[in-house]
Amino acid sequence: MSSHQPRTITPSDLPEAITRYLGAHHAHDTATAVAAFTGDAAVTDDGRTYRGAAAIEQWLNRSASEFTYTIELTEAQQTDPTHYVATHHLEGDFPGGVVDLRYQFSLRDDLIERLVIEP
């Protein structure tokens, strides 16, 4: 991420690719979620990195069925014109049961080039 100081924004100010991905991911619409990424995108989640559309699609399908949980977008930030953070509060049947996760997005050409999900 950039060294710029993040500024809080409203969720409605997140770029279209991010809101499209988040909405599709929550609705378990894998095809729409994958379409929000560049062809060479990478996602890092739970310490593992998934590169390219096929790997991201497999990750999305697995994450949609692995646990049952509720998710709420609690904060959005913009670091610079291509870097955003969306913080989500999750509660469910995963280990620990409750967690706040930071979804750190890097954009290129109005699509998600990189997503890092971490506490």
N, C-alpha and C. Protein backbone atom coordinates (compact mmCIF):
# COMPACT_ATOMS: atom_id res chain seq x y z
N MET A 1 0.84 -1.18 0.00
CA MET A 1 0.00 0.00 0.00
C MET A 1 0.88 1.24 0.00
N SER A 2 0.28 2.33 -0.34
CA SER A 2 0.97 3.61 -0.40
C SER A 2 1.27 4.12 1.00
N SER A 3 2.21 5.04 1.10
CA SER A 3 2.53 5.62 2.40
C SER A 3 1.63 6.81 2.72
N HIS A 4 0.70 7.15 1.84
CA HIS A 4 -0.23 8.24 2.09
C HIS A 4 -1.11 7.91 3.30
N GLN A 5 -1.55 8.95 3.97
CA GLN A 5 -2.44 8.79 5.12
C GLN A 5 -3.84 8.45 4.63
N PRO A 6 -4.43 7.35 5.11
CA PRO A 6 -5.79 7.00 4.68
C PRO A 6 -6.79 8.03 5.17
N ARG A 7 -7.84 8.23 4.39
CA ARG A 7 -8.92 9.10 4.84
C ARG A 7 -10.21 8.30 4.77
N THR A 8 -11.06 8.49 5.77
CA THR A 8 -12.34 7.79 5.83
C THR A 8 -13.26 8.33 4.75
N ILE A 9 -13.94 7.42 4.05
CA ILE A 9 -14.92 7.77 3.05
C ILE A 9 -16.20 6.99 3.35
N THR A 10 -17.28 7.37 2.70
CA THR A 10 -18.51 6.60 2.87
C THR A 10 -18.43 5.38 1.96
N PRO A 11 -19.05 4.28 2.34
CA PRO A 11 -19.02 3.10 1.47
C PRO A 11 -19.50 3.39 0.05
N SER A 12 -20.41 4.33 -0.10
CA SER A 12 -20.90 4.66 -1.44
C SER A 12 -19.83 5.34 -2.29
N ASP A 13 -18.75 5.81 -1.67
CA ASP A 13 -17.65 6.42 -2.40
C ASP A 13 -16.59 5.42 -2.84
N LEU A 14 -16.75 4.14 -2.48
CA LEU A 14 -15.82 3.12 -2.97
C LEU A 14 -16.00 2.99 -4.48
N PRO A 15 -14.93 2.72 -5.21
CA PRO A 15 -15.04 2.56 -6.66
C PRO A 15 -15.99 1.42 -7.05
N GLU A 16 -16.54 1.52 -8.24
CA GLU A 16 -17.54 0.57 -8.73
C GLU A 16 -17.02 -0.86 -8.70
N ALA A 17 -15.77 -1.09 -9.09
CA ALA A 17 -15.23 -2.47 -9.11
C ALA A 17 -15.25 -3.08 -7.71
N ILE A 18 -14.96 -2.28 -6.70
CA ILE A 18 -14.95 -2.79 -5.32
C ILE A 18 -16.37 -3.08 -4.86
N THR A 19 -17.30 -2.16 -5.09
CA THR A 19 -18.67 -2.40 -4.65
C THR A 19 -19.29 -3.57 -5.42
N ARG A 20 -18.94 -3.72 -6.70
CA ARG A 20 -19.44 -4.85 -7.50
C ARG A 20 -18.90 -6.16 -6.92
N TYR A 21 -17.59 -6.21 -6.62
CA TYR A 21 -17.00 -7.41 -6.03
C TYR A 21 -17.65 -7.73 -4.68
N LEU A 22 -17.75 -6.74 -3.80
CA LEU A 22 -18.29 -6.98 -2.47
C LEU A 22 -19.73 -7.48 -2.54
N GLY A 23 -20.55 -6.84 -3.35
CA GLY A 23 -21.94 -7.26 -3.49
C GLY A 23 -22.06 -8.67 -4.06
N ALA A 24 -21.26 -8.96 -5.08
CA ALA A 24 -21.30 -10.28 -5.70
C ALA A 24 -20.77 -11.36 -4.75
N HIS A 25 -19.71 -11.04 -4.02
CA HIS A 25 -19.15 -12.00 -3.07
C HIS A 25 -20.19 -12.34 -1.99
N HIS A 26 -20.85 -11.33 -1.47
CA HIS A 26 -21.86 -11.55 -0.43
C HIS A 26 -23.04 -12.34 -0.97
N ALA A 27 -23.36 -12.17 -2.26
CA ALA A 27 -24.48 -12.87 -2.89
C ALA A 27 -24.07 -14.23 -3.45
N HIS A 28 -22.80 -14.60 -3.28
CA HIS A 28 -22.26 -15.86 -3.81
C HIS A 28 -22.37 -15.92 -5.34
N ASP A 29 -22.22 -14.76 -5.99
CA ASP A 29 -22.24 -14.65 -7.45
C ASP A 29 -20.79 -14.61 -7.93
N THR A 30 -20.20 -15.79 -8.05
CA THR A 30 -18.78 -15.90 -8.36
C THR A 30 -18.41 -15.25 -9.68
N ALA A 31 -19.21 -15.45 -10.72
CA ALA A 31 -18.87 -14.91 -12.04
C ALA A 31 -18.77 -13.38 -12.01
N THR A 32 -19.71 -12.72 -11.35
CA THR A 32 -19.67 -11.26 -11.25
C THR A 32 -18.50 -10.82 -10.39
N ALA A 33 -18.23 -11.53 -9.31
CA ALA A 33 -17.10 -11.18 -8.44
C ALA A 33 -15.78 -11.29 -9.19
N VAL A 34 -15.57 -12.37 -9.92
CA VAL A 34 -14.33 -12.56 -10.67
C VAL A 34 -14.17 -11.48 -11.74
N ALA A 35 -15.27 -11.05 -12.35
CA ALA A 35 -15.21 -10.04 -13.41
C ALA A 35 -14.75 -8.67 -12.89
N ALA A 36 -14.73 -8.47 -11.58
CA ALA A 36 -14.27 -7.22 -11.00
C ALA A 36 -12.74 -7.15 -10.92
N PHE A 37 -12.05 -8.27 -11.21
CA PHE A 37 -10.60 -8.37 -11.11
C PHE A 37 -9.94 -8.27 -12.48
N THR A 38 -8.68 -7.80 -12.50
CA THR A 38 -7.88 -7.87 -13.72
C THR A 38 -7.56 -9.34 -13.99
N GLY A 39 -7.17 -9.65 -15.22
CA GLY A 39 -6.86 -11.02 -15.58
C GLY A 39 -5.69 -11.60 -14.81
N ASP A 40 -4.76 -10.73 -14.38
CA ASP A 40 -3.57 -11.18 -13.66
C ASP A 40 -3.62 -10.82 -12.17
N ALA A 41 -4.81 -10.62 -11.66
CA ALA A 41 -4.98 -10.20 -10.26
C ALA A 41 -4.48 -11.26 -9.29
N ALA A 42 -4.26 -10.81 -8.05
CA ALA A 42 -3.87 -11.70 -6.97
C ALA A 42 -4.70 -11.36 -5.73
N VAL A 43 -5.10 -12.41 -5.01
CA VAL A 43 -5.81 -12.28 -3.75
C VAL A 43 -5.02 -13.01 -2.69
N THR A 44 -4.78 -12.35 -1.56
CA THR A 44 -4.15 -12.99 -0.42
C THR A 44 -5.17 -13.03 0.72
N ASP A 45 -5.46 -14.24 1.18
CA ASP A 45 -6.44 -14.44 2.24
C ASP A 45 -5.95 -15.58 3.12
N ASP A 46 -5.98 -15.36 4.41
CA ASP A 46 -5.59 -16.39 5.37
C ASP A 46 -4.17 -16.90 5.09
N GLY A 47 -3.29 -16.00 4.67
CA GLY A 47 -1.89 -16.34 4.44
C GLY A 47 -1.58 -17.01 3.12
N ARG A 48 -2.59 -17.24 2.28
CA ARG A 48 -2.37 -17.89 0.98
C ARG A 48 -2.70 -16.91 -0.14
N THR A 49 -1.93 -16.97 -1.23
CA THR A 49 -2.15 -16.09 -2.36
C THR A 49 -2.68 -16.88 -3.55
N TYR A 50 -3.69 -16.32 -4.19
CA TYR A 50 -4.34 -16.92 -5.35
C TYR A 50 -4.13 -15.96 -6.52
N ARG A 51 -3.52 -16.45 -7.61
CA ARG A 51 -3.19 -15.60 -8.75
C ARG A 51 -3.97 -16.01 -9.99
N GLY A 52 -4.54 -15.02 -10.65
CA GLY A 52 -5.27 -15.26 -11.89
C GLY A 52 -6.73 -15.60 -11.65
N ALA A 53 -7.53 -15.45 -12.72
CA ALA A 53 -8.98 -15.60 -12.61
C ALA A 53 -9.39 -17.00 -12.14
N ALA A 54 -8.76 -18.05 -12.65
CA ALA A 54 -9.17 -19.42 -12.27
C ALA A 54 -8.92 -19.66 -10.79
N ALA A 55 -7.77 -19.25 -10.27
CA ALA A 55 -7.45 -19.45 -8.86
C ALA A 55 -8.36 -18.60 -7.97
N ILE A 56 -8.66 -17.38 -8.41
CA ILE A 56 -9.55 -16.52 -7.62
C ILE A 56 -10.96 -17.10 -7.62
N GLU A 57 -11.41 -17.64 -8.74
CA GLU A 57 -12.72 -18.27 -8.80
C GLU A 57 -12.80 -19.46 -7.84
N GLN A 58 -11.77 -20.29 -7.80
CA GLN A 58 -11.75 -21.42 -6.86
C GLN A 58 -11.78 -20.94 -5.42
N TRP A 59 -10.99 -19.90 -5.11
CA TRP A 59 -10.98 -19.34 -3.76
C TRP A 59 -12.37 -18.83 -3.38
N LEU A 60 -13.02 -18.10 -4.29
CA LEU A 60 -14.36 -17.57 -4.00
C LEU A 60 -15.36 -18.70 -3.75
N ASN A 61 -15.32 -19.73 -4.58
CA ASN A 61 -16.24 -20.85 -4.40
C ASN A 61 -16.01 -21.55 -3.07
N ARG A 62 -14.74 -21.75 -2.70
CA ARG A 62 -14.42 -22.40 -1.43
C ARG A 62 -14.84 -21.53 -0.25
N SER A 63 -14.52 -20.23 -0.32
CA SER A 63 -14.83 -19.35 0.82
C SER A 63 -16.32 -19.18 1.01
N ALA A 64 -17.09 -19.30 -0.08
CA ALA A 64 -18.55 -19.16 0.02
C ALA A 64 -19.20 -20.36 0.69
N SER A 65 -18.54 -21.51 0.64
CA SER A 65 -19.17 -22.72 1.18
C SER A 65 -18.51 -23.26 2.44
N GLU A 66 -17.34 -22.72 2.80
CA GLU A 66 -16.59 -23.27 3.92
C GLU A 66 -17.25 -22.99 5.27
N PHE A 67 -17.76 -21.77 5.46
CA PHE A 67 -18.36 -21.38 6.73
C PHE A 67 -19.64 -20.59 6.47
N THR A 68 -20.48 -20.52 7.49
CA THR A 68 -21.67 -19.68 7.45
C THR A 68 -21.39 -18.48 8.35
N TYR A 69 -21.65 -17.27 7.82
CA TYR A 69 -21.35 -16.08 8.61
C TYR A 69 -22.17 -14.90 8.11
N THR A 70 -22.26 -13.89 8.98
CA THR A 70 -22.82 -12.61 8.57
C THR A 70 -21.65 -11.66 8.40
N ILE A 71 -21.83 -10.69 7.52
CA ILE A 71 -20.76 -9.74 7.25
C ILE A 71 -21.35 -8.34 7.14
N GLU A 72 -20.68 -7.38 7.77
CA GLU A 72 -21.14 -5.99 7.74
C GLU A 72 -19.97 -5.09 7.44
N LEU A 73 -20.12 -4.24 6.43
CA LEU A 73 -19.11 -3.25 6.10
C LEU A 73 -19.17 -2.16 7.16
N THR A 74 -18.09 -1.99 7.93
CA THR A 74 -18.12 -1.04 9.05
C THR A 74 -17.32 0.23 8.78
N GLU A 75 -16.41 0.19 7.81
CA GLU A 75 -15.60 1.38 7.53
C GLU A 75 -15.00 1.27 6.14
N ALA A 76 -14.85 2.43 5.49
CA ALA A 76 -14.18 2.49 4.19
C ALA A 76 -13.16 3.62 4.24
N GLN A 77 -12.00 3.37 3.63
CA GLN A 77 -10.94 4.37 3.58
C GLN A 77 -10.32 4.39 2.19
N GLN A 78 -9.81 5.56 1.84
CA GLN A 78 -9.05 5.72 0.60
C GLN A 78 -7.66 6.21 0.98
N THR A 79 -6.63 5.49 0.48
CA THR A 79 -5.25 5.88 0.75
C THR A 79 -4.73 6.80 -0.35
N ASP A 80 -5.04 6.47 -1.59
CA ASP A 80 -4.70 7.28 -2.75
C ASP A 80 -5.66 6.90 -3.86
N PRO A 81 -5.53 7.42 -5.08
CA PRO A 81 -6.53 7.14 -6.11
C PRO A 81 -6.72 5.67 -6.49
N THR A 82 -5.77 4.80 -6.14
CA THR A 82 -5.89 3.39 -6.53
C THR A 82 -5.85 2.43 -5.35
N HIS A 83 -5.86 2.92 -4.12
CA HIS A 83 -5.77 2.06 -2.94
C HIS A 83 -6.89 2.39 -1.94
N TYR A 84 -7.64 1.34 -1.58
CA TYR A 84 -8.79 1.49 -0.70
C TYR A 84 -8.79 0.36 0.33
N VAL A 85 -9.40 0.62 1.48
CA VAL A 85 -9.56 -0.39 2.52
C VAL A 85 -11.04 -0.41 2.91
N ALA A 86 -11.62 -1.60 2.93
CA ALA A 86 -13.00 -1.80 3.39
C ALA A 86 -12.93 -2.76 4.57
N THR A 87 -13.30 -2.26 5.74
CA THR A 87 -13.26 -3.08 6.95
C THR A 87 -14.63 -3.72 7.17
N HIS A 88 -14.60 -5.04 7.39
CA HIS A 88 -15.83 -5.82 7.58
C HIS A 88 -15.81 -6.51 8.94
N HIS A 89 -16.98 -6.56 9.56
CA HIS A 89 -17.17 -7.30 10.81
C HIS A 89 -17.89 -8.59 10.44
N LEU A 90 -17.28 -9.74 10.78
CA LEU A 90 -17.86 -11.05 10.48
C LEU A 90 -18.17 -11.78 11.78
N GLU A 91 -19.31 -12.45 11.79
CA GLU A 91 -19.69 -13.34 12.88
C GLU A 91 -20.23 -14.62 12.26
N GLY A 92 -19.73 -15.78 12.76
CA GLY A 92 -20.20 -17.03 12.18
C GLY A 92 -19.61 -18.25 12.84
N ASP A 93 -19.64 -19.36 12.09
CA ASP A 93 -19.20 -20.64 12.64
C ASP A 93 -17.75 -20.98 12.28
N PHE A 94 -16.95 -19.98 11.97
CA PHE A 94 -15.52 -20.17 11.72
C PHE A 94 -14.77 -20.12 13.04
N PRO A 95 -13.53 -20.60 13.09
CA PRO A 95 -12.77 -20.58 14.34
C PRO A 95 -12.71 -19.16 14.94
N GLY A 96 -13.08 -19.03 16.18
CA GLY A 96 -13.10 -17.74 16.86
C GLY A 96 -14.46 -17.09 16.82
N GLY A 97 -15.22 -17.32 15.77
CA GLY A 97 -16.60 -16.86 15.69
C GLY A 97 -16.83 -15.40 15.36
N VAL A 98 -15.87 -14.51 15.66
CA VAL A 98 -16.01 -13.08 15.41
C VAL A 98 -14.67 -12.53 14.97
N VAL A 99 -14.68 -11.69 13.92
CA VAL A 99 -13.44 -11.07 13.48
C VAL A 99 -13.76 -9.82 12.67
N ASP A 100 -12.87 -8.84 12.76
CA ASP A 100 -12.90 -7.67 11.89
C ASP A 100 -11.77 -7.85 10.88
N LEU A 101 -12.12 -7.82 9.60
CA LEU A 101 -11.14 -8.02 8.55
C LEU A 101 -11.01 -6.76 7.69
N ARG A 102 -9.77 -6.47 7.33
CA ARG A 102 -9.47 -5.36 6.43
C ARG A 102 -9.26 -5.92 5.03
N TYR A 103 -10.10 -5.48 4.10
CA TYR A 103 -9.97 -5.85 2.69
C TYR A 103 -9.21 -4.70 2.03
N GLN A 104 -7.95 -4.93 1.69
CA GLN A 104 -7.10 -3.89 1.12
C GLN A 104 -7.03 -4.07 -0.39
N PHE A 105 -7.59 -3.11 -1.11
CA PHE A 105 -7.72 -3.19 -2.56
C PHE A 105 -6.70 -2.29 -3.27
N SER A 106 -6.10 -2.81 -4.33
CA SER A 106 -5.30 -2.03 -5.26
C SER A 106 -5.98 -2.14 -6.62
N LEU A 107 -6.20 -0.99 -7.26
CA LEU A 107 -6.90 -0.97 -8.54
C LEU A 107 -5.95 -0.67 -9.69
N ARG A 108 -6.30 -1.20 -10.86
CA ARG A 108 -5.61 -0.85 -12.11
C ARG A 108 -6.66 -0.87 -13.21
N ASP A 109 -6.71 0.19 -13.98
CA ASP A 109 -7.67 0.29 -15.08
C ASP A 109 -9.10 0.01 -14.62
N ASP A 110 -9.47 0.58 -13.47
CA ASP A 110 -10.81 0.48 -12.90
C ASP A 110 -11.22 -0.94 -12.53
N LEU A 111 -10.25 -1.85 -12.35
CA LEU A 111 -10.50 -3.20 -11.88
C LEU A 111 -9.60 -3.49 -10.69
N ILE A 112 -9.91 -4.54 -9.94
CA ILE A 112 -9.11 -4.91 -8.77
C ILE A 112 -7.89 -5.70 -9.25
N GLU A 113 -6.72 -5.17 -8.96
CA GLU A 113 -5.47 -5.84 -9.33
C GLU A 113 -4.96 -6.70 -8.18
N ARG A 114 -5.23 -6.23 -6.95
CA ARG A 114 -4.73 -6.95 -5.78
C ARG A 114 -5.70 -6.75 -4.64
N LEU A 115 -5.95 -7.84 -3.91
CA LEU A 115 -6.78 -7.80 -2.70
C LEU A 115 -6.05 -8.57 -1.62
N VAL A 116 -5.84 -7.92 -0.50
CA VAL A 116 -5.23 -8.56 0.67
C VAL A 116 -6.26 -8.47 1.81
N ILE A 117 -6.62 -9.64 2.34
CA ILE A 117 -7.59 -9.70 3.44
C ILE A 117 -6.84 -10.15 4.69
N GLU A 118 -6.91 -9.31 5.74
CA GLU A 118 -6.23 -9.65 6.98
C GLU A 118 -6.89 -8.95 8.15
N PRO A 119 -6.69 -9.49 9.36
CA PRO A 119 -7.27 -8.85 10.56
C PRO A 119 -6.64 -7.50 10.81
